[in-house]
Structure formats: C-alpha cells, structure tokens
N, C-alpha and C. Protein backbone atom coordinates (compact mmCIF):
# COMPACT_ATOMS: atom_id res chain seq x y z
N MET A 1 164.56 250.99 209.68
CA MET A 1 163.91 250.03 208.95
C MET A 1 162.82 249.23 209.64
N ASN A 2 163.76 248.52 210.96
CA ASN A 2 163.41 247.95 210.80
C ASN A 2 161.82 248.43 211.96
N LYS A 3 161.80 249.91 212.55
CA LYS A 3 160.44 249.89 212.38
C LYS A 3 159.62 249.46 211.67
N ILE A 4 159.80 249.98 210.21
CA ILE A 4 158.54 249.77 208.73
C ILE A 4 158.20 248.37 208.62
N LYS A 5 159.55 247.06 208.77
CA LYS A 5 159.00 246.25 208.83
C LYS A 5 157.79 244.85 209.63
N GLU A 6 158.93 245.33 210.82
CA GLU A 6 158.00 245.21 212.08
C GLU A 6 156.35 246.07 211.70
N CYS A 7 156.10 247.55 211.39
CA CYS A 7 154.83 247.56 210.84
C CYS A 7 153.99 246.79 209.66
N VAL A 8 154.58 246.50 209.28
CA VAL A 8 154.12 245.38 208.10
C VAL A 8 154.12 244.19 208.50
N ASN A 9 154.50 243.97 208.93
CA ASN A 9 154.50 242.17 209.69
C ASN A 9 152.93 242.52 210.47
N ASP A 10 153.04 243.45 211.35
CA ASP A 10 151.70 243.34 211.91
C ASP A 10 151.14 243.61 212.27
N ILE A 11 150.72 244.22 210.49
CA ILE A 11 149.35 244.41 210.06
C ILE A 11 149.26 243.98 209.06
N SER A 12 149.68 243.27 208.39
CA SER A 12 149.84 242.13 207.89
C SER A 12 149.31 240.48 208.05
N LYS A 13 149.51 241.05 209.95
CA LYS A 13 149.20 239.31 210.52
C LYS A 13 147.86 239.88 211.41
N LYS A 14 147.25 241.10 212.02
CA LYS A 14 146.45 241.72 212.01
C LYS A 14 145.34 241.61 210.67
N TYR A 15 145.23 241.57 209.41
CA TYR A 15 144.26 241.44 209.42
C TYR A 15 144.38 240.28 207.85
N GLY A 16 145.58 240.04 208.05
CA GLY A 16 144.88 238.73 206.91
C GLY A 16 145.34 238.60 206.00
N SER A 17 146.60 239.60 205.75
CA SER A 17 147.23 239.24 204.55
C SER A 17 147.83 241.07 204.31
N SER A 18 148.69 240.57 203.06
CA SER A 18 149.27 241.82 203.04
C SER A 18 149.10 242.26 201.96
N GLU A 19 147.62 242.19 200.89
CA GLU A 19 147.32 242.73 199.90
C GLU A 19 147.10 243.97 200.15
N PRO A 20 147.76 245.03 200.15
CA PRO A 20 146.81 246.68 199.76
C PRO A 20 145.25 247.20 200.31
N LYS A 21 144.30 246.93 199.40
CA LYS A 21 143.81 246.88 198.58
C LYS A 21 142.59 245.98 199.82
N THR A 22 143.46 244.57 200.39
CA THR A 22 141.91 243.75 201.59
C THR A 22 142.29 244.40 202.77
N ILE A 23 143.85 245.09 202.97
CA ILE A 23 144.14 245.68 204.00
C ILE A 23 143.05 246.39 204.52
N CYS A 24 142.84 247.92 203.77
CA CYS A 24 142.48 248.65 203.67
C CYS A 24 140.56 248.50 203.73
N GLU A 25 139.83 247.47 203.17
CA GLU A 25 139.00 246.85 203.83
C GLU A 25 138.54 246.56 204.81
N ASN A 26 139.25 245.53 205.07
CA ASN A 26 140.13 245.36 206.44
C ASN A 26 139.16 247.08 207.42
N MET A 27 140.47 248.25 207.39
CA MET A 27 140.16 248.81 208.05
C MET A 27 139.17 249.98 207.90
N GLY A 28 138.30 249.66 207.00
CA GLY A 28 136.78 249.76 206.16
C GLY A 28 138.09 251.31 206.35
N ILE A 29 139.10 251.98 204.81
CA ILE A 29 139.68 253.13 204.50
C ILE A 29 138.97 252.62 202.81
N ILE A 30 137.79 253.40 202.61
CA ILE A 30 137.89 253.70 201.99
C ILE A 30 138.62 253.82 199.66
N ILE A 31 138.58 253.95 199.24
CA ILE A 31 139.90 253.68 198.04
C ILE A 31 138.37 254.82 197.41
N LEU A 32 139.28 255.44 196.56
CA LEU A 32 138.21 256.11 195.76
C LEU A 32 139.40 256.68 194.34
N SER A 33 138.52 256.88 193.08
CA SER A 33 139.21 257.04 191.79
C SER A 33 139.22 258.45 191.74
N PHE A 34 139.97 259.51 191.18
CA PHE A 34 139.26 261.51 190.68
C PHE A 34 140.51 261.71 189.30
N ASP A 35 140.02 262.14 189.03
CA ASP A 35 141.10 262.93 187.30
C ASP A 35 141.81 263.96 188.52
N LEU A 36 143.53 263.63 188.73
CA LEU A 36 143.95 264.29 189.54
C LEU A 36 145.02 265.23 188.70
N PRO A 37 145.62 266.41 188.97
CA PRO A 37 146.69 266.84 188.31
C PRO A 37 147.68 265.41 188.18
N GLU A 38 148.32 265.42 186.51
CA GLU A 38 149.43 264.57 186.74
C GLU A 38 150.90 263.88 187.44
N ARG A 39 150.64 265.52 188.14
CA ARG A 39 152.16 264.77 188.98
C ARG A 39 151.58 263.95 190.39
N VAL A 40 150.01 264.41 191.02
CA VAL A 40 149.33 264.01 192.19
C VAL A 40 149.22 262.15 191.30
N ASN A 41 149.54 261.20 192.64
CA ASN A 41 148.98 260.11 192.09
C ASN A 41 148.41 259.48 192.70
N GLY A 42 148.32 260.33 193.98
CA GLY A 42 147.06 259.87 195.67
C GLY A 42 147.11 261.06 196.75
N PHE A 43 146.50 260.80 197.81
CA PHE A 43 147.13 261.43 198.44
C PHE A 43 145.54 260.91 199.80
N SER A 44 145.84 260.69 200.98
CA SER A 44 144.58 260.36 201.88
C SER A 44 144.27 261.32 202.83
N MET A 45 143.12 260.69 203.51
CA MET A 45 142.43 262.12 204.07
C MET A 45 141.91 261.43 204.96
N GLU A 46 141.67 262.04 206.56
CA GLU A 46 140.77 261.05 206.98
C GLU A 46 139.37 262.52 207.38
N LYS A 47 138.03 261.89 207.32
CA LYS A 47 136.71 262.73 207.66
C LYS A 47 135.63 262.51 208.48
N LYS A 48 135.70 262.74 209.21
CA LYS A 48 134.49 262.41 210.53
C LYS A 48 135.02 260.90 211.00
N GLY A 49 136.80 260.66 211.27
CA GLY A 49 136.16 260.15 211.67
C GLY A 49 136.75 258.65 210.41
N ARG A 50 136.38 258.83 209.51
CA ARG A 50 136.84 258.34 208.98
C ARG A 50 138.18 258.16 207.54
N TRP A 51 138.38 256.76 207.27
CA TRP A 51 140.12 257.09 206.14
C TRP A 51 139.63 256.89 205.06
N PHE A 52 140.07 257.75 203.01
CA PHE A 52 139.99 257.91 202.51
C PHE A 52 141.28 257.59 201.94
N ILE A 53 141.62 257.00 201.20
CA ILE A 53 142.81 256.93 199.72
C ILE A 53 142.52 257.46 198.07
N VAL A 54 142.62 258.48 198.03
CA VAL A 54 141.97 259.08 196.70
C VAL A 54 143.64 258.44 195.92
N LEU A 55 142.75 257.89 194.97
CA LEU A 55 143.24 257.48 193.48
C LEU A 55 143.89 258.67 192.52
N ASN A 56 144.76 258.42 191.65
CA ASN A 56 144.79 259.65 190.56
C ASN A 56 144.31 258.08 189.08
N ASN A 57 143.34 258.66 188.46
CA ASN A 57 142.24 258.04 187.53
C ASN A 57 143.40 257.69 186.16
N MET A 58 144.14 258.66 186.67
CA MET A 58 145.35 257.94 185.04
C MET A 58 146.38 256.64 185.54
N LEU A 59 146.21 256.40 186.47
CA LEU A 59 147.09 255.77 187.18
C LEU A 59 147.22 254.21 186.44
N ASP A 60 148.38 253.26 185.83
CA ASP A 60 148.17 252.15 185.93
C ASP A 60 147.90 251.43 186.81
N ASP A 61 147.38 249.60 187.01
CA ASP A 61 146.60 249.28 187.83
C ASP A 61 148.11 249.39 189.26
N ASP A 62 148.93 248.84 188.32
CA ASP A 62 150.55 248.93 188.84
C ASP A 62 150.19 249.95 189.81
N ARG A 63 150.66 251.39 189.24
CA ARG A 63 151.16 252.11 190.10
C ARG A 63 149.88 252.91 190.87
N LYS A 64 148.30 251.81 190.77
CA LYS A 64 147.11 252.30 191.22
C LYS A 64 147.92 251.51 192.98
N ARG A 65 148.54 250.44 192.81
CA ARG A 65 148.27 249.65 193.81
C ARG A 65 149.94 250.06 194.91
N PHE A 66 150.91 250.55 194.20
CA PHE A 66 151.95 250.87 195.47
C PHE A 66 151.55 252.36 195.53
N THR A 67 150.50 252.94 195.05
CA THR A 67 149.69 254.25 195.89
C THR A 67 149.45 254.20 196.86
N THR A 68 147.99 253.71 197.05
CA THR A 68 147.38 252.26 198.43
C THR A 68 148.37 251.86 198.94
N ALA A 69 149.49 251.41 199.00
CA ALA A 69 150.17 250.69 199.78
C ALA A 69 151.38 252.06 199.86
N HIS A 70 151.52 252.89 199.77
CA HIS A 70 152.19 254.53 200.05
C HIS A 70 151.36 255.20 201.25
N GLU A 71 149.86 255.03 200.61
CA GLU A 71 149.24 256.43 201.36
C GLU A 71 148.66 255.24 202.61
N LEU A 72 148.74 253.72 202.44
CA LEU A 72 148.06 253.34 203.61
C LEU A 72 149.39 253.30 204.77
N GLY A 73 150.22 253.65 204.00
CA GLY A 73 151.34 253.34 204.90
C GLY A 73 151.56 254.95 205.58
N HIS A 74 151.31 255.86 205.30
CA HIS A 74 150.98 257.15 206.42
C HIS A 74 150.01 257.09 207.09
N ILE A 75 148.42 256.21 206.43
CA ILE A 75 147.60 255.73 207.92
C ILE A 75 148.11 255.29 208.51
N VAL A 76 148.83 254.09 208.90
CA VAL A 76 149.22 253.48 209.49
C VAL A 76 150.14 253.58 210.49
N MET A 77 151.34 254.20 209.60
CA MET A 77 152.88 255.39 210.63
C MET A 77 152.24 256.54 210.93
N HIS A 78 151.40 257.21 209.34
CA HIS A 78 151.67 258.79 210.62
C HIS A 78 150.44 259.49 210.44
N GLY A 79 149.14 258.59 210.82
CA GLY A 79 148.19 259.30 210.80
C GLY A 79 147.49 260.22 211.16
N HIS A 80 148.50 260.90 212.61
CA HIS A 80 148.82 261.59 213.92
C HIS A 80 148.78 262.60 212.81
N THR A 81 149.30 262.70 212.10
CA THR A 81 150.20 263.77 211.75
C THR A 81 149.45 264.59 210.33
N ASN A 82 149.93 266.08 210.33
CA ASN A 82 148.85 266.60 209.24
C ASN A 82 150.00 266.96 207.98
N SER A 83 150.51 266.14 207.62
CA SER A 83 151.66 266.51 206.35
C SER A 83 151.23 267.91 205.75
N ILE A 84 150.15 268.46 205.16
CA ILE A 84 149.59 269.71 204.57
C ILE A 84 149.85 270.48 205.38
N ASN A 85 149.65 270.25 206.75
CA ASN A 85 150.01 271.88 206.96
C ASN A 85 151.09 272.28 207.48
N LEU A 86 152.37 270.86 207.21
CA LEU A 86 153.80 270.69 208.12
C LEU A 86 154.00 271.59 207.10
N SER A 87 154.00 271.11 206.03
CA SER A 87 154.62 271.53 204.90
C SER A 87 154.41 272.83 204.49
N CYS A 88 153.48 273.05 204.31
CA CYS A 88 152.47 274.64 204.36
C CYS A 88 152.98 275.29 205.32
N ASN A 89 153.54 275.00 206.52
CA ASN A 89 153.14 276.39 208.02
C ASN A 89 154.02 276.19 208.58
N THR A 90 155.44 275.05 208.32
CA THR A 90 156.67 274.96 209.49
C THR A 90 157.98 274.81 207.60
N TYR A 91 159.04 274.90 208.67
CA TYR A 91 160.07 274.32 207.87
C TYR A 91 160.14 272.93 207.99
N PHE A 92 159.39 272.20 208.34
CA PHE A 92 159.55 271.16 208.77
C PHE A 92 159.52 269.64 208.06
N CYS A 93 160.08 269.16 207.07
CA CYS A 93 160.84 268.52 206.31
C CYS A 93 160.18 267.25 206.18
N ILE A 94 158.85 267.13 205.00
CA ILE A 94 157.85 266.05 204.82
C ILE A 94 158.44 265.62 204.45
N SER A 95 159.88 264.67 203.16
CA SER A 95 160.62 263.53 203.14
C SER A 95 160.68 262.98 203.19
N LYS A 96 161.00 262.69 204.90
CA LYS A 96 161.26 261.70 205.11
C LYS A 96 160.30 260.99 205.75
N TYR A 97 158.81 261.44 205.77
CA TYR A 97 157.90 260.20 205.21
C TYR A 97 157.41 259.92 204.47
N GLU A 98 157.25 260.71 203.37
CA GLU A 98 157.27 260.35 202.15
C GLU A 98 158.19 258.68 201.93
N ARG A 99 159.63 259.09 202.23
CA ARG A 99 160.31 257.98 202.30
C ARG A 99 160.15 257.03 202.83
N GLU A 100 159.40 257.16 204.01
CA GLU A 100 159.47 256.38 204.68
C GLU A 100 157.94 255.29 204.88
N ALA A 101 156.48 255.78 203.96
CA ALA A 101 156.12 255.43 203.22
C ALA A 101 155.81 254.79 202.16
N ASP A 102 156.77 254.92 201.17
CA ASP A 102 157.76 254.32 199.82
C ASP A 102 157.68 252.95 200.36
N MET A 103 159.16 252.91 201.98
CA MET A 103 159.28 251.85 202.01
C MET A 103 158.58 251.41 202.82
N PHE A 104 157.17 251.28 203.19
CA PHE A 104 156.31 250.66 203.70
C PHE A 104 155.63 249.72 202.71
N ALA A 105 155.17 250.77 201.51
CA ALA A 105 154.76 250.49 200.56
C ALA A 105 155.34 248.86 199.59
N ALA A 106 156.80 249.51 199.79
CA ALA A 106 157.66 248.74 199.38
C ALA A 106 157.48 247.02 200.24
N TYR A 107 158.21 246.81 201.41
CA TYR A 107 157.89 245.86 202.48
C TYR A 107 156.11 245.43 202.33
N LEU A 108 155.55 246.10 201.70
CA LEU A 108 154.28 245.66 201.90
C LEU A 108 153.51 244.33 201.02
N LEU A 109 154.82 245.37 199.57
CA LEU A 109 153.78 244.75 198.57
C LEU A 109 155.13 243.80 198.25
N LEU A 110 156.22 243.69 198.95
CA LEU A 110 157.57 242.37 199.10
C LEU A 110 156.90 241.05 199.83
N LYS A 111 156.27 241.32 200.55
CA LYS A 111 155.37 240.54 201.54
C LYS A 111 154.44 240.05 200.95
N ALA A 112 153.68 240.41 200.04
CA ALA A 112 152.40 239.95 199.46
C ALA A 112 152.46 238.89 198.20
N GLU A 113 153.99 239.55 197.43
CA GLU A 113 154.52 238.43 196.81
C GLU A 113 155.45 237.44 197.29
N TYR A 114 155.95 238.16 198.09
CA TYR A 114 156.83 236.46 198.71
C TYR A 114 157.06 235.78 199.67
N GLU A 115 155.56 235.53 200.58
CA GLU A 115 154.89 235.36 201.94
C GLU A 115 155.40 233.77 201.39
N SER A 116 155.32 233.15 200.27
CA SER A 116 155.62 231.92 199.92
C SER A 116 156.69 232.03 199.15
N CYS A 117 157.76 232.66 198.62
CA CYS A 117 158.22 232.51 197.48
C CYS A 117 159.59 231.87 198.16
N GLU A 118 160.36 230.55 197.34
CA GLU A 118 161.59 229.68 198.87
C GLU A 118 162.92 230.29 197.53
N GLU A 119 162.52 230.85 196.19
CA GLU A 119 164.08 231.52 195.32
C GLU A 119 164.35 232.82 195.69
N CYS A 120 163.44 233.64 196.82
CA CYS A 120 163.01 234.61 196.29
C CYS A 120 164.66 235.74 196.91
N GLU A 121 165.24 234.95 197.85
CA GLU A 121 166.52 235.04 198.71
C GLU A 121 167.83 235.35 197.68
N SER A 122 167.48 234.87 196.40
CA SER A 122 168.64 234.45 194.86
C SER A 122 168.18 235.69 194.55
N LEU A 123 167.11 236.96 194.27
CA LEU A 123 166.59 237.65 193.17
C LEU A 123 167.50 239.22 193.50
N THR A 124 167.94 239.63 192.71
CA THR A 124 168.67 241.00 193.33
C THR A 124 167.68 241.84 193.59
N ILE A 125 167.21 242.96 194.02
CA ILE A 125 166.46 244.05 194.41
C ILE A 125 165.62 244.45 192.62
N GLN A 126 166.33 244.56 192.28
CA GLN A 126 165.62 245.50 191.19
C GLN A 126 164.31 244.12 190.41
N GLN A 127 165.06 242.51 190.58
CA GLN A 127 164.27 241.55 190.24
C GLN A 127 162.97 241.21 191.34
N ALA A 128 163.23 241.51 191.63
CA ALA A 128 162.52 241.20 193.64
C ALA A 128 161.54 242.81 192.99
N PHE A 129 161.84 243.38 193.06
CA PHE A 129 160.69 244.58 192.45
C PHE A 129 160.23 244.51 191.01
N LYS A 130 159.92 243.97 190.82
CA LYS A 130 159.79 243.36 189.20
C LYS A 130 158.28 243.17 189.20
N ILE A 131 158.95 241.71 189.53
CA ILE A 131 157.67 240.73 190.37
C ILE A 131 156.62 240.77 191.01
N ALA A 132 156.92 242.17 192.38
CA ALA A 132 156.07 242.58 192.76
C ALA A 132 155.69 243.86 192.45
N HIS A 133 155.96 244.23 191.30
CA HIS A 133 155.04 245.07 190.87
C HIS A 133 155.41 246.54 190.85
N ILE A 134 156.42 246.78 191.73
CA ILE A 134 157.09 247.96 192.18
C ILE A 134 157.58 248.72 191.36
N PRO A 135 157.39 249.89 191.45
CA PRO A 135 157.33 251.34 190.62
C PRO A 135 159.67 250.96 190.20
N GLU A 136 159.54 250.60 189.64
CA GLU A 136 161.53 250.15 189.09
C GLU A 136 162.14 251.54 189.89
N GLU A 137 161.62 252.95 189.34
CA GLU A 137 162.64 253.61 190.01
C GLU A 137 162.41 253.73 191.63
N LYS A 138 161.85 253.37 192.33
CA LYS A 138 161.64 253.24 194.34
C LYS A 138 162.96 252.06 194.33
N ALA A 139 163.66 251.11 193.73
CA ALA A 139 164.78 250.44 194.14
C ALA A 139 166.22 251.24 193.59
N ASP A 140 166.07 251.90 193.27
CA ASP A 140 166.79 252.50 193.42
C ASP A 140 166.80 253.65 194.85
N GLU A 141 166.09 254.49 194.80
CA GLU A 141 165.50 254.97 195.27
C GLU A 141 165.37 255.23 196.88
N LEU A 142 165.10 253.71 197.09
CA LEU A 142 165.47 253.29 198.84
C LEU A 142 166.97 252.58 199.05
N PHE A 143 167.11 251.79 197.90
CA PHE A 143 168.01 250.60 198.80
C PHE A 143 169.75 251.18 197.42
N PHE A 144 170.10 251.41 197.43
CA PHE A 144 170.87 252.44 196.56
C PHE A 144 171.56 254.29 197.19
C-alpha cells in the first residue's frame, strides 16, 4: 500500500498534477475511445514505444476518469509485464495487478480532489470516494 501511495505522490509531483488525463498528456500516453464489449471498461497497450489507453465509449465520464487512472496505474507500475500473456499462458494470478491498479486509481483521484482539502480527514471513505467520483463498489473492495 505504501509503495502505491509513493508512486502516486512521485508521479503527481513529477507531472505537476494528480488529474489522470493531464498526467497521460504529459507522459505522451494517447487516450482513445471505442465501442468495446460491455464488460470491458478499457485497457492499456504499448505499440512501437507509444502507450495507449483505450476506453469503452459506453462509460459515463466518472467511470472513464477512473478507468483512465486505473490503466495509468498499470502503465506506471506494471508496464514491464504482459498481463494478457500471463493470464492466458501461465497460472499466474493477475488479480494482484488489478487490485494494485485500482488502489493507484483511488489514491490518484483522491489526491486530485483533496490536495487542498482541510476537512477531508473527517470524511468516511465512502464520502471521500463519492466526492472524488470513484465508483462506490471500489470503497468496499479496496478498504473493507
């Protein structure tokens, strides 16, 4: 958990923002939207040295923002791994990577919302997630 917080703090400081889209722009990551199967929120991929985040057109703006942050987490923390290859050709459980990317996204979005918030310490996790537009189910999955 501390590793993820440090990663979020480092990337926010390096790129002068905690907003996922701004960080992606500064890193040269291209964000695209396409019609994807309903169960797919998005994915990231590297092609010829460029990173892409592909989002599902059907997502609302909050879910797109969370998915962008989640995929950015994969790029920053797991860019050296090929999770599709791992899940298809090995017995390695990639759910650890998914949880880490969710944690990265949650911390990044909370940091974007609360960088100057003085009263955020009095909020519950659910209240903080709601204000930061993080999907409600993530509070339960990540912190309970």
